[in-house]
Amino acid sequence: MSTATTPAPAPPAFATAPARRGPRLLRWWPAAVLVLLAVAPYSALPLPGLLDGPVGSPGSLQLLATCLLFGALATGYDLLLGRTGLLSFGHALYFAAGSYATNMFLLEAGLPFAVVAVLGLCSGALLALVLGSVSLRVSGIGFSMVTLAFAQAGSILVSRNPGGLTGGEEGRAAPAELLPSWLVGIDHTANLYWIALAYLVLTLAVVHRAVRSPTGRVWEGIKENERRVEVLGLKPYGFKLTAFVLAGALAAVGGLVHLLLTGGSTPQTTTSDFTLSLLVMVVLGGSGTRWGPMVGGILYTWADHRLGDLAGSGAVADLPAVLRVPLSQPLFLLGVLFVAVVHLLPGGLARLPSRLRRTREEHR
């Protein structure tokens, strides 16, 4: 004798509404943060310990713009490291190409700023295409070493100042008289800040759209198992080159923004150490996550600035030598911070909310 089971009635629609309201509200936090960042130049709110002056002061806006710039740059770099599994040590070259090419076209050709900005972007993308087509012929550690060799060669070339184009070890200042007037001077720091914010939004949008595209899913497959992608009949080389050129183009735009923020091109942006800093930012925030690299880039840049001030402060100078010597080195302080985060937060800062939720559930 069989008994028929009657399916349980579905809960009324209003019963599930409260459970959905939270996630829907959480989706709005990026827009809320964007609005706060957009109106920051109008704020006179002091943040002692975080900024040297009010939020809207030129010095604070300069630091915030630099933080946003490197947050975007780390996000673009993670397109290689966290999304495609490519560890490149030459990413700084495309950042420097955007800065130096724009500067040289301004100085040597005297072209309008809008034209040289496009040429700077194209220069970085073209350089990424040429070097990427060579570097991606090998994989794994071989790829990393080839990109490192290109980075070293590019750094040496810039420092040697061929034809007087790069300025050598001193770099080359941007010609203020050839730049738009609304981008020059301390009175226009807010405009530079908004440009840095626009660059961050552009990078986040491009990376998010690319990762969610069919090509992005192939990148994920390449990162997990490149051989399996080949078995499916796809050629990883073309997909990896696409990621390489896209990341290089985004870095070139960052070089242009950096040129405007600092007022010149510097050879430090061509070194492999610069790329290593990007690697630290990505690992600090959380590689392969949507917001992690941006958070890591912002936090690292802010800490680099603030810890430098701390290292040169009188409080550190009055300490015993055994404490004064290491604490007077900003790189030492950054290294300690990095090791602490990696040890205490595996997966970076982006994994912290999920780890807290898991811990809370385990203790219920």
Protein backbone atom coordinates (compact mmCIF):
# COMPACT_ATOMS: atom_id res chain seq x y z
CA MET A 1 0.00 0.00 0.00
CA SER A 2 1.52 3.27 -1.01
CA THR A 3 0.86 6.62 0.48
CA ALA A 4 0.91 9.73 -1.63
CA THR A 5 2.86 12.61 -0.23
CA THR A 6 1.47 16.03 -0.68
CA PRO A 7 4.10 18.65 -1.51
CA ALA A 8 4.49 21.34 1.11
CA PRO A 9 2.91 24.62 0.10
CA ALA A 10 5.30 27.28 -1.05
CA PRO A 11 5.87 30.06 1.47
CA PRO A 12 4.14 33.33 0.69
CA ALA A 13 6.14 35.91 -1.21
CA PHE A 14 6.28 38.29 1.73
CA ALA A 15 8.01 35.61 3.83
CA THR A 16 11.14 35.77 1.73
CA ALA A 17 11.24 39.54 1.29
CA PRO A 18 13.29 40.33 4.42
CA ALA A 19 15.92 37.76 3.43
CA ARG A 20 16.41 39.44 0.06
CA ARG A 21 16.48 43.01 1.31
CA GLY A 22 19.93 42.71 2.86
CA PRO A 23 21.77 41.49 -0.27
CA ARG A 24 19.93 44.07 -2.38
CA LEU A 25 21.04 46.85 -0.08
CA LEU A 26 24.60 45.54 -0.09
CA ARG A 27 24.70 45.85 -3.87
CA TRP A 28 24.47 49.62 -3.52
CA TRP A 29 27.62 50.08 -1.42
CA PRO A 30 29.97 50.58 -4.43
CA ALA A 31 27.73 53.39 -5.69
CA ALA A 32 27.65 54.94 -2.21
CA VAL A 33 31.45 54.82 -1.97
CA LEU A 34 31.75 56.33 -5.45
CA VAL A 35 29.50 59.24 -4.47
CA LEU A 36 31.56 59.86 -1.33
CA LEU A 37 34.78 59.82 -3.35
CA ALA A 38 33.31 62.15 -5.98
CA VAL A 39 32.36 64.80 -3.40
CA ALA A 40 35.59 64.47 -1.39
CA PRO A 41 37.12 67.69 -2.86
CA TYR A 42 34.24 69.66 -1.33
CA SER A 43 34.77 68.24 2.16
CA ALA A 44 36.58 70.06 4.97
CA LEU A 45 36.38 67.03 7.28
CA PRO A 46 39.69 66.46 9.13
CA LEU A 47 40.93 62.88 9.46
CA PRO A 48 43.80 62.98 11.98
CA GLY A 49 46.24 60.13 11.52
CA LEU A 50 44.89 59.29 8.08
CA LEU A 51 45.51 62.54 6.23
CA ASP A 52 47.73 65.55 6.93
CA GLY A 53 44.87 68.01 6.55
CA PRO A 54 41.17 68.24 5.67
CA VAL A 55 39.94 65.84 3.03
CA GLY A 56 39.48 68.61 0.47
CA SER A 57 42.91 70.21 0.95
CA PRO A 58 45.36 69.99 -1.98
CA GLY A 59 47.82 67.80 -0.06
CA SER A 60 45.13 65.32 0.97
CA LEU A 61 43.64 65.23 -2.52
CA GLN A 62 47.07 64.56 -3.99
CA LEU A 63 47.56 61.57 -1.67
CA LEU A 64 44.04 60.29 -2.30
CA ALA A 65 44.49 60.61 -6.06
CA THR A 66 47.74 58.64 -5.86
CA CYS A 67 46.02 55.94 -3.82
CA LEU A 68 43.20 55.69 -6.37
CA LEU A 69 45.72 55.55 -9.21
CA PHE A 70 47.59 52.59 -7.73
CA GLY A 71 44.36 50.89 -6.73
CA ALA A 72 43.40 50.94 -10.40
CA LEU A 73 46.87 49.89 -11.53
CA ALA A 74 46.84 46.88 -9.19
CA THR A 75 43.38 45.93 -10.49
CA GLY A 76 44.67 45.96 -14.05
CA TYR A 77 47.74 43.94 -13.11
CA ASP A 78 45.53 41.31 -11.46
CA LEU A 79 43.99 40.73 -14.87
CA LEU A 80 47.24 38.85 -15.56
CA LEU A 81 48.11 37.41 -12.16
CA GLY A 82 44.77 36.60 -10.58
CA ARG A 83 42.60 36.03 -13.65
CA THR A 84 44.92 34.36 -16.16
CA GLY A 85 47.70 33.03 -13.92
CA LEU A 86 50.48 35.01 -15.62
CA LEU A 87 53.22 36.27 -13.31
CA SER A 88 54.76 39.18 -15.21
CA PHE A 89 57.69 41.18 -13.85
CA GLY A 90 57.59 43.71 -16.67
CA HIS A 91 54.21 45.37 -16.17
CA ALA A 92 55.90 48.62 -15.17
CA LEU A 93 57.15 49.04 -18.74
CA TYR A 94 53.66 49.75 -20.09
CA PHE A 95 52.92 52.17 -17.27
CA ALA A 96 56.17 53.98 -18.05
CA ALA A 97 55.46 53.86 -21.79
CA GLY A 98 52.20 55.74 -21.30
CA SER A 99 53.98 58.40 -19.25
CA TYR A 100 57.15 58.81 -21.32
CA ALA A 101 55.45 58.58 -24.73
CA THR A 102 52.90 61.24 -23.80
CA ASN A 103 55.61 63.47 -22.40
CA MET A 104 57.89 63.08 -25.41
CA PHE A 105 55.11 63.73 -27.92
CA LEU A 106 54.26 66.90 -26.02
CA LEU A 107 57.85 68.13 -25.88
CA GLU A 108 59.16 67.01 -29.23
CA ALA A 109 56.11 67.24 -31.50
CA GLY A 110 54.09 69.93 -29.71
CA LEU A 111 50.84 68.14 -30.49
CA PRO A 112 47.57 68.92 -28.66
CA PHE A 113 47.15 67.18 -25.34
CA ALA A 114 44.17 65.07 -26.45
CA VAL A 115 46.21 63.73 -29.38
CA VAL A 116 49.29 62.89 -27.31
CA ALA A 117 47.10 61.18 -24.70
CA VAL A 118 45.77 58.83 -27.38
CA LEU A 119 49.31 58.31 -28.71
CA GLY A 120 50.53 57.49 -25.20
CA LEU A 121 47.80 54.87 -24.80
CA CYS A 122 48.59 53.38 -28.21
CA SER A 123 52.32 53.30 -27.39
CA GLY A 124 51.75 51.30 -24.22
CA ALA A 125 49.33 48.90 -25.94
CA LEU A 126 51.68 48.43 -28.91
CA LEU A 127 54.64 47.76 -26.62
CA ALA A 128 52.57 45.20 -24.71
CA LEU A 129 51.58 43.55 -27.99
CA VAL A 130 55.20 43.28 -29.19
CA LEU A 131 56.74 42.11 -25.91
CA GLY A 132 53.77 39.91 -25.04
CA SER A 133 53.92 38.10 -28.38
CA VAL A 134 57.52 37.14 -27.54
CA SER A 135 57.15 36.48 -23.81
CA LEU A 136 54.10 34.24 -24.17
CA ARG A 137 55.97 31.81 -26.38
CA VAL A 138 57.11 30.26 -23.12
CA SER A 139 55.10 29.60 -19.96
CA GLY A 140 55.58 29.28 -16.23
CA ILE A 141 58.84 30.49 -14.77
CA GLY A 142 60.24 30.98 -18.27
CA PHE A 143 57.57 33.59 -19.02
CA SER A 144 58.34 35.41 -15.77
CA MET A 145 62.06 35.48 -16.52
CA VAL A 146 61.54 36.81 -20.05
CA THR A 147 59.35 39.65 -18.76
CA LEU A 148 61.98 40.38 -16.09
CA ALA A 149 64.66 40.58 -18.79
CA PHE A 150 62.54 43.02 -20.80
CA ALA A 151 61.96 45.10 -17.67
CA GLN A 152 65.68 45.31 -16.93
CA ALA A 153 66.47 46.22 -20.54
CA GLY A 154 63.80 48.92 -20.56
CA SER A 155 65.02 50.38 -17.27
CA ILE A 156 68.61 50.55 -18.53
CA LEU A 157 67.50 52.12 -21.81
CA VAL A 158 65.56 54.86 -20.03
CA SER A 159 68.37 55.63 -17.57
CA ARG A 160 70.93 55.89 -20.43
CA ASN A 161 68.82 58.68 -21.97
CA PRO A 162 69.16 57.81 -25.69
CA GLY A 163 69.04 60.95 -27.82
CA GLY A 164 68.17 63.03 -24.77
CA LEU A 165 64.56 61.83 -24.93
CA THR A 166 64.06 60.34 -21.47
CA GLY A 167 66.05 62.68 -19.24
CA GLY A 168 68.13 59.84 -17.83
CA GLU A 169 68.18 59.28 -14.08
CA GLU A 170 66.60 62.69 -13.46
CA GLY A 171 63.52 61.95 -15.53
CA ARG A 172 61.75 64.57 -17.57
CA ALA A 173 59.33 67.23 -16.41
CA ALA A 174 56.05 67.70 -18.23
CA PRO A 175 55.76 71.05 -20.05
CA ALA A 176 53.16 72.97 -18.06
CA GLU A 177 52.67 75.48 -20.86
CA LEU A 178 51.58 72.69 -23.22
CA LEU A 179 49.10 71.13 -20.82
CA PRO A 180 45.50 72.33 -20.43
CA SER A 181 45.37 75.13 -17.86
CA TRP A 182 42.76 73.27 -15.77
CA LEU A 183 45.31 70.50 -15.12
CA VAL A 184 48.17 72.71 -13.94
CA GLY A 185 48.70 74.28 -10.54
CA ILE A 186 47.77 73.56 -6.96
CA ASP A 187 44.42 75.28 -7.47
CA HIS A 188 43.40 72.51 -9.87
CA THR A 189 44.35 69.53 -7.69
CA ALA A 190 40.66 68.56 -7.48
CA ASN A 191 40.57 68.13 -11.27
CA LEU A 192 43.52 65.74 -11.12
CA TYR A 193 41.80 63.87 -8.30
CA TRP A 194 38.67 63.41 -10.41
CA ILE A 195 40.79 62.15 -13.30
CA ALA A 196 42.36 59.55 -10.99
CA LEU A 197 38.90 58.55 -9.77
CA ALA A 198 37.66 58.26 -13.36
CA TYR A 199 40.66 56.04 -14.17
CA LEU A 200 39.79 53.77 -11.25
CA VAL A 201 36.14 53.49 -12.33
CA LEU A 202 37.19 52.82 -15.94
CA THR A 203 39.63 50.09 -14.91
CA LEU A 204 37.11 48.38 -12.62
CA ALA A 205 34.46 48.47 -15.34
CA VAL A 206 36.77 47.13 -18.07
CA VAL A 207 38.18 44.36 -15.89
CA HIS A 208 34.73 43.34 -14.62
CA ARG A 209 33.29 43.27 -18.15
CA ALA A 210 36.28 41.34 -19.51
CA VAL A 211 36.26 38.74 -16.73
CA ARG A 212 32.52 38.07 -17.20
CA SER A 213 32.86 37.70 -20.98
CA PRO A 214 33.41 34.37 -22.79
CA THR A 215 37.08 35.31 -23.10
CA GLY A 216 37.24 35.82 -19.35
CA ARG A 217 35.93 32.30 -18.78
CA VAL A 218 38.70 30.99 -21.00
CA TRP A 219 41.21 32.97 -18.90
CA GLU A 220 39.87 31.21 -15.83
CA GLY A 221 40.29 27.86 -17.55
CA ILE A 222 43.87 28.73 -18.53
CA LYS A 223 44.68 29.61 -14.93
CA GLU A 224 43.24 26.34 -13.64
CA ASN A 225 44.51 23.98 -16.34
CA GLU A 226 45.93 25.27 -19.61
CA ARG A 227 46.26 21.76 -21.05
CA ARG A 228 42.54 21.17 -20.64
CA VAL A 229 41.81 24.34 -22.62
CA GLU A 230 43.96 23.01 -25.45
CA VAL A 231 42.09 19.69 -25.39
CA LEU A 232 38.85 21.61 -25.88
CA GLY A 233 40.23 22.92 -29.16
CA LEU A 234 41.09 26.43 -28.02
CA LYS A 235 44.47 28.09 -28.43
CA PRO A 236 45.58 29.62 -25.10
CA TYR A 237 48.24 31.80 -26.72
CA GLY A 238 45.75 34.19 -28.32
CA PHE A 239 43.66 34.50 -25.16
CA LYS A 240 46.73 35.13 -23.01
CA LEU A 241 47.98 37.76 -25.45
CA THR A 242 44.58 39.48 -25.28
CA ALA A 243 44.83 39.67 -21.48
CA PHE A 244 48.43 40.88 -21.75
CA VAL A 245 47.61 43.71 -24.18
CA LEU A 246 44.47 44.77 -22.29
CA ALA A 247 46.38 44.95 -19.01
CA GLY A 248 49.19 46.84 -20.76
CA ALA A 249 46.76 49.37 -22.25
CA LEU A 250 45.18 50.01 -18.82
CA ALA A 251 48.66 50.47 -17.36
CA ALA A 252 49.51 52.97 -20.11
CA VAL A 253 46.46 55.07 -19.18
CA GLY A 254 47.71 54.92 -15.58
CA GLY A 255 51.08 56.22 -16.74
CA LEU A 256 49.34 59.21 -18.32
CA VAL A 257 47.46 59.92 -15.06
CA HIS A 258 50.71 59.58 -13.11
CA LEU A 259 52.37 62.08 -15.45
CA LEU A 260 49.67 64.63 -14.65
CA LEU A 261 49.77 63.97 -10.90
CA THR A 262 53.54 64.18 -10.50
CA GLY A 263 54.28 66.66 -13.27
CA GLY A 264 56.84 64.49 -15.03
CA SER A 265 58.15 61.05 -16.01
CA THR A 266 60.56 59.27 -13.67
CA PRO A 267 62.81 56.24 -14.40
CA GLN A 268 61.70 54.58 -11.16
CA THR A 269 58.46 53.62 -12.92
CA THR A 270 60.38 51.43 -15.38
CA THR A 271 62.03 49.11 -12.87
CA SER A 272 61.05 45.58 -11.91
CA ASP A 273 60.85 46.83 -8.30
CA PHE A 274 57.84 48.88 -9.39
CA THR A 275 56.14 45.73 -10.66
CA LEU A 276 57.05 43.92 -7.45
CA SER A 277 55.19 46.65 -5.57
CA LEU A 278 52.12 45.90 -7.71
CA LEU A 279 52.52 42.22 -6.87
CA VAL A 280 52.55 43.04 -3.15
CA MET A 281 49.43 45.19 -3.58
CA VAL A 282 47.54 42.38 -5.30
CA VAL A 283 48.56 39.73 -2.76
CA LEU A 284 47.79 42.10 0.11
CA GLY A 285 44.26 42.77 -1.15
CA GLY A 286 43.46 39.34 -2.53
CA SER A 287 44.42 38.06 -5.97
CA GLY A 288 41.61 37.03 -8.28
CA THR A 289 38.91 38.96 -6.42
CA ARG A 290 36.81 41.85 -7.68
CA TRP A 291 37.72 44.46 -5.07
CA GLY A 292 40.83 42.97 -3.42
CA PRO A 293 43.56 44.35 -5.72
CA MET A 294 42.02 47.83 -5.57
CA VAL A 295 41.91 47.74 -1.76
CA GLY A 296 45.47 46.41 -1.62
CA GLY A 297 46.74 49.14 -3.94
CA ILE A 298 45.04 51.90 -1.98
CA LEU A 299 46.17 50.58 1.41
CA TYR A 300 49.75 49.95 0.28
CA THR A 301 50.11 53.43 -1.24
CA TRP A 302 48.61 55.12 1.82
CA ALA A 303 50.83 53.08 4.17
CA ASP A 304 53.90 53.84 2.09
CA HIS A 305 53.23 57.57 2.51
CA ARG A 306 52.18 57.54 6.16
CA LEU A 307 54.86 55.09 7.34
CA GLY A 308 57.46 57.25 5.62
CA ASP A 309 56.29 60.18 7.76
CA LEU A 310 56.34 57.97 10.86
CA ALA A 311 59.87 56.75 10.13
CA GLY A 312 61.15 60.34 10.01
CA SER A 313 59.20 61.57 13.03
CA GLY A 314 60.70 62.69 16.31
CA ALA A 315 58.96 59.87 18.17
CA VAL A 316 61.05 57.30 16.30
CA ALA A 317 64.23 59.39 16.58
CA ASP A 318 64.00 59.34 20.40
CA LEU A 319 63.83 55.53 20.60
CA PRO A 320 66.80 53.33 21.52
CA ALA A 321 69.01 52.37 18.59
CA VAL A 322 67.79 48.76 18.58
CA LEU A 323 64.27 50.04 17.75
CA ARG A 324 65.14 53.30 15.98
CA VAL A 325 67.18 51.72 13.17
CA PRO A 326 64.52 49.28 11.86
CA LEU A 327 61.59 51.62 12.51
CA SER A 328 63.29 54.42 10.59
CA GLN A 329 63.09 52.31 7.42
CA PRO A 330 59.68 52.57 5.70
CA LEU A 331 60.34 49.40 3.68
CA PHE A 332 60.90 47.49 6.92
CA LEU A 333 57.56 48.68 8.27
CA LEU A 334 55.80 47.80 5.02
CA GLY A 335 57.44 44.39 5.03
CA VAL A 336 56.24 43.68 8.56
CA LEU A 337 52.72 44.78 7.59
CA PHE A 338 52.76 42.56 4.50
CA VAL A 339 54.01 39.49 6.38
CA ALA A 340 51.40 40.01 9.10
CA VAL A 341 48.54 40.23 6.58
CA VAL A 342 49.71 37.21 4.58
CA HIS A 343 50.13 35.13 7.76
CA LEU A 344 46.93 36.20 9.51
CA LEU A 345 44.71 36.62 6.43
CA PRO A 346 45.46 33.96 3.81
CA GLY A 347 43.92 35.08 0.55
CA GLY A 348 44.25 38.79 1.34
CA LEU A 349 41.97 41.41 2.82
CA ALA A 350 39.15 40.55 0.40
CA ARG A 351 38.72 37.18 2.13
CA LEU A 352 38.29 38.79 5.57
CA PRO A 353 34.45 39.14 5.48
CA SER A 354 33.93 35.50 4.51
CA ARG A 355 36.39 34.34 7.17
CA LEU A 356 34.55 36.37 9.81
CA ARG A 357 31.20 34.92 8.71
CA ARG A 358 32.61 31.39 8.84
CA THR A 359 34.05 31.97 12.29
CA ARG A 360 30.75 33.38 13.54
CA GLU A 361 28.82 30.40 12.18
CA GLU A 362 31.25 27.93 13.77
CA HIS A 363 30.73 29.50 17.19
CA ARG A 364 26.93 29.42 17.04
